[in-house]
């Protein structure tokens, strides 16, 4: 990550946006195939009854699309967003104020999106287990673990997004101030 350049961040941003688009299209496909049922991954939390009713509403085709299309794309997207957020945070953290911040004290922040991706995978594995055992209702342990993974994923993903936006804004402000100082030092004449 030491040789990360703005163009690399730009490339990761494009990959991130393409991954998000693919994930959203896969969710739309599941909804289309199932006759309008929605996926469980985009809810902040799900109760056992809601999960069972949603899996029923998906029908066989919807559950199959969820399992074989959506969950696979979502698992890939988790890797993409984790890499994008972690690399972008590292890029800005190293540039904002290296003389004021010790890298060793703040580098743990880049682990947040990695933990989010791990929670996303756990959520996907949990939903895959629920789909495969349907029509048998999911155990409360599986539902609870999926809900905790989902909530943790959402919190860490949005925290990562806020950190990236804040770091980017801080970097822009520092660059603008440096440019202004440079203009003040340069004699006009």
Protein backbone atom coordinates (compact mmCIF):
# COMPACT_ATOMS: atom_id res chain seq x y z
CA UNK A 1 0.00 0.00 0.00
CA UNK A 2 3.00 2.30 0.18
CA UNK A 3 3.12 2.71 -3.59
CA UNK A 4 -0.59 3.41 -3.92
CA UNK A 5 -1.21 6.27 -6.32
CA UNK A 6 -4.36 8.29 -7.03
CA UNK A 7 -4.87 6.39 -10.29
CA UNK A 8 -4.89 3.12 -8.32
CA UNK A 9 -7.59 4.50 -6.04
CA UNK A 10 -9.51 5.59 -9.16
CA UNK A 11 -9.23 2.08 -10.59
CA UNK A 12 -10.42 0.57 -7.33
CA UNK A 13 -13.32 3.05 -7.29
CA UNK A 14 -14.38 1.89 -10.77
CA UNK A 15 -14.16 -1.75 -9.67
CA UNK A 16 -16.12 -0.91 -6.50
CA UNK A 17 -18.90 0.78 -8.50
CA UNK A 18 -19.04 -2.08 -11.00
CA UNK A 19 -19.25 -4.59 -8.14
CA UNK A 20 -22.04 -2.60 -6.49
CA UNK A 21 -23.91 -2.47 -9.79
CA UNK A 22 -23.52 -6.22 -10.31
CA UNK A 23 -24.77 -6.88 -6.78
CA UNK A 24 -27.80 -4.63 -7.26
CA UNK A 25 -28.58 -6.24 -10.63
CA UNK A 26 -28.34 -9.69 -9.05
CA UNK A 27 -30.78 -8.58 -6.31
CA UNK A 28 -33.15 -7.29 -9.01
CA UNK A 29 -32.81 -10.59 -10.87
CA UNK A 30 -33.78 -12.55 -7.76
CA UNK A 31 -36.78 -10.27 -7.30
CA UNK A 32 -37.77 -10.68 -10.96
CA UNK A 33 -37.44 -14.48 -10.91
CA UNK A 34 -39.37 -14.74 -7.65
CA UNK A 35 -42.23 -12.52 -8.68
CA UNK A 36 -41.25 -9.57 -6.52
CA UNK A 37 -39.84 -11.08 -3.32
CA UNK A 38 -36.89 -9.24 -1.87
CA UNK A 39 -33.58 -10.57 -0.66
CA UNK A 40 -32.66 -10.72 3.01
CA UNK A 41 -29.13 -9.28 2.74
CA UNK A 42 -30.23 -5.67 2.37
CA UNK A 43 -32.21 -5.52 5.62
CA UNK A 44 -30.49 -4.32 8.79
CA UNK A 45 -31.80 -7.38 10.62
CA UNK A 46 -34.25 -10.22 10.06
CA UNK A 47 -36.45 -12.20 12.43
CA UNK A 48 -37.00 -15.94 12.02
CA UNK A 49 -40.61 -15.58 10.84
CA UNK A 50 -39.68 -12.91 8.30
CA UNK A 51 -36.85 -15.08 6.95
CA UNK A 52 -39.12 -18.11 6.59
CA UNK A 53 -41.87 -16.05 4.92
CA UNK A 54 -39.36 -14.46 2.54
CA UNK A 55 -37.85 -17.82 1.60
CA UNK A 56 -41.36 -19.12 0.96
CA UNK A 57 -42.24 -16.04 -1.14
CA UNK A 58 -39.07 -16.45 -3.21
CA UNK A 59 -40.30 -19.81 -4.49
CA UNK A 60 -38.01 -22.47 -5.88
CA UNK A 61 -36.71 -20.31 -8.74
CA UNK A 62 -36.08 -17.35 -6.47
CA UNK A 63 -34.26 -19.41 -3.87
CA UNK A 64 -32.16 -20.99 -6.61
CA UNK A 65 -31.29 -17.55 -8.05
CA UNK A 66 -30.54 -16.24 -4.56
CA UNK A 67 -28.23 -19.16 -3.81
CA UNK A 68 -26.46 -19.53 -7.18
CA UNK A 69 -26.43 -15.96 -8.48
CA UNK A 70 -26.87 -13.35 -5.77
CA UNK A 71 -24.82 -14.92 -2.98
CA UNK A 72 -21.88 -15.61 -5.30
CA UNK A 73 -21.85 -12.06 -6.64
CA UNK A 74 -22.27 -10.66 -3.13
CA UNK A 75 -19.33 -12.72 -1.87
CA UNK A 76 -17.14 -11.27 -4.65
CA UNK A 77 -18.44 -7.78 -3.92
CA UNK A 78 -17.43 -8.16 -0.26
CA UNK A 79 -13.82 -8.67 -1.36
CA UNK A 80 -14.05 -5.68 -3.69
CA UNK A 81 -15.43 -3.25 -1.11
CA UNK A 82 -13.00 -4.47 1.57
CA UNK A 83 -10.00 -3.89 -0.70
CA UNK A 84 -11.34 -0.53 -1.95
CA UNK A 85 -12.07 0.85 1.51
CA UNK A 86 -8.85 -0.49 3.10
CA UNK A 87 -6.59 0.78 0.31
CA UNK A 88 -8.34 4.15 0.14
CA UNK A 89 -8.10 4.63 3.90
CA UNK A 90 -4.41 3.70 3.84
CA UNK A 91 -3.80 6.08 0.92
CA UNK A 92 -5.33 9.07 2.71
CA UNK A 93 -4.01 8.21 6.18
CA UNK A 94 -0.46 8.15 4.85
CA UNK A 95 -0.89 11.52 3.14
CA UNK A 96 -2.94 13.59 5.56
CA UNK A 97 -0.37 14.30 8.22
CA UNK A 98 2.39 11.74 8.45
CA UNK A 99 4.39 14.00 10.78
CA UNK A 100 1.43 14.34 13.19
CA UNK A 101 0.05 10.82 13.10
CA UNK A 102 1.97 7.71 13.78
CA UNK A 103 0.99 5.09 11.22
CA UNK A 104 1.21 2.38 13.88
CA UNK A 105 -1.52 4.07 15.92
CA UNK A 106 -4.07 4.41 13.12
CA UNK A 107 -3.37 1.49 10.79
CA UNK A 108 -5.88 -0.74 12.60
CA UNK A 109 -8.64 1.36 10.98
CA UNK A 110 -8.01 -0.33 7.65
CA UNK A 111 -9.09 -3.63 9.23
CA UNK A 112 -12.69 -2.42 9.62
CA UNK A 113 -13.69 -3.18 6.01
CA UNK A 114 -11.97 -6.57 6.22
CA UNK A 115 -14.05 -7.48 9.27
CA UNK A 116 -17.15 -6.19 7.42
CA UNK A 117 -16.37 -8.53 4.51
CA UNK A 118 -15.92 -11.47 6.89
CA UNK A 119 -19.33 -10.67 8.42
CA UNK A 120 -20.80 -10.45 4.91
CA UNK A 121 -19.44 -13.92 4.12
CA UNK A 122 -20.83 -15.30 7.38
CA UNK A 123 -24.19 -13.76 6.53
CA UNK A 124 -24.05 -15.34 3.05
CA UNK A 125 -23.15 -18.75 4.46
CA UNK A 126 -26.00 -18.46 6.96
CA UNK A 127 -28.54 -17.54 4.28
CA UNK A 128 -27.22 -20.33 2.04
CA UNK A 129 -27.79 -22.83 4.88
CA UNK A 130 -31.31 -21.49 5.40
CA UNK A 131 -32.10 -21.79 1.69
CA UNK A 132 -30.70 -25.32 1.49
CA UNK A 133 -32.70 -26.55 4.49
CA UNK A 134 -35.94 -24.86 3.40
CA UNK A 135 -38.87 -25.63 4.06
CA UNK A 136 -37.50 -26.58 7.48
CA UNK A 137 -37.41 -23.36 9.53
CA UNK A 138 -33.95 -22.08 10.37
CA UNK A 139 -32.72 -22.63 13.90
CA UNK A 140 -32.76 -19.64 16.22
CA UNK A 141 -28.97 -19.88 16.52
CA UNK A 142 -28.55 -19.60 12.74
CA UNK A 143 -31.03 -16.70 12.55
CA UNK A 144 -29.35 -14.88 15.43
CA UNK A 145 -25.85 -15.35 14.02
CA UNK A 146 -26.99 -14.16 10.57
CA UNK A 147 -28.66 -11.11 12.12
CA UNK A 148 -25.57 -10.22 14.16
CA UNK A 149 -23.38 -10.67 11.07
CA UNK A 150 -25.73 -8.50 9.00
CA UNK A 151 -25.88 -5.71 11.57
CA UNK A 152 -22.12 -5.76 12.12
CA UNK A 153 -21.54 -5.71 8.35
CA UNK A 154 -23.78 -2.68 7.88
CA UNK A 155 -22.23 -0.76 10.77
CA UNK A 156 -18.66 -1.44 9.62
CA UNK A 157 -19.36 -0.76 5.93
CA UNK A 158 -21.00 2.59 6.68
CA UNK A 159 -18.29 3.46 9.19
CA UNK A 160 -15.70 2.66 6.51
CA UNK A 161 -17.55 4.85 4.02
CA UNK A 162 -17.68 7.74 6.50
CA UNK A 163 -13.98 7.34 7.25
CA UNK A 164 -13.08 7.36 3.55
CA UNK A 165 -15.20 10.46 2.94
CA UNK A 166 -13.77 12.22 6.01
CA UNK A 167 -10.20 11.34 5.11
CA UNK A 168 -10.73 12.44 1.51
CA UNK A 169 -12.19 15.75 2.69
CA UNK A 170 -9.27 16.24 5.09
CA UNK A 171 -6.77 15.53 2.33
CA UNK A 172 -8.49 17.99 -0.02
CA UNK A 173 -8.48 20.71 2.67
CA UNK A 174 -4.78 20.14 3.36
CA UNK A 175 -3.97 20.29 -0.36
CA UNK A 176 -5.95 23.51 -0.78
CA UNK A 177 -4.21 25.09 2.23
CA UNK A 178 -0.81 24.03 0.91
CA UNK A 179 -1.65 25.54 -2.49
CA UNK A 180 -2.77 28.77 -0.86
CA UNK A 181 0.43 28.97 1.23
CA UNK A 182 2.45 28.40 -1.91
CA UNK A 183 0.59 31.25 -3.67
CA UNK A 184 1.26 33.58 -0.73
CA UNK A 185 4.98 32.74 -0.80
CA UNK A 186 5.31 33.31 -4.55
CA UNK A 187 5.93 36.97 -5.33
CA UNK A 188 3.65 38.45 -7.98
CA UNK A 189 5.08 40.85 -10.24
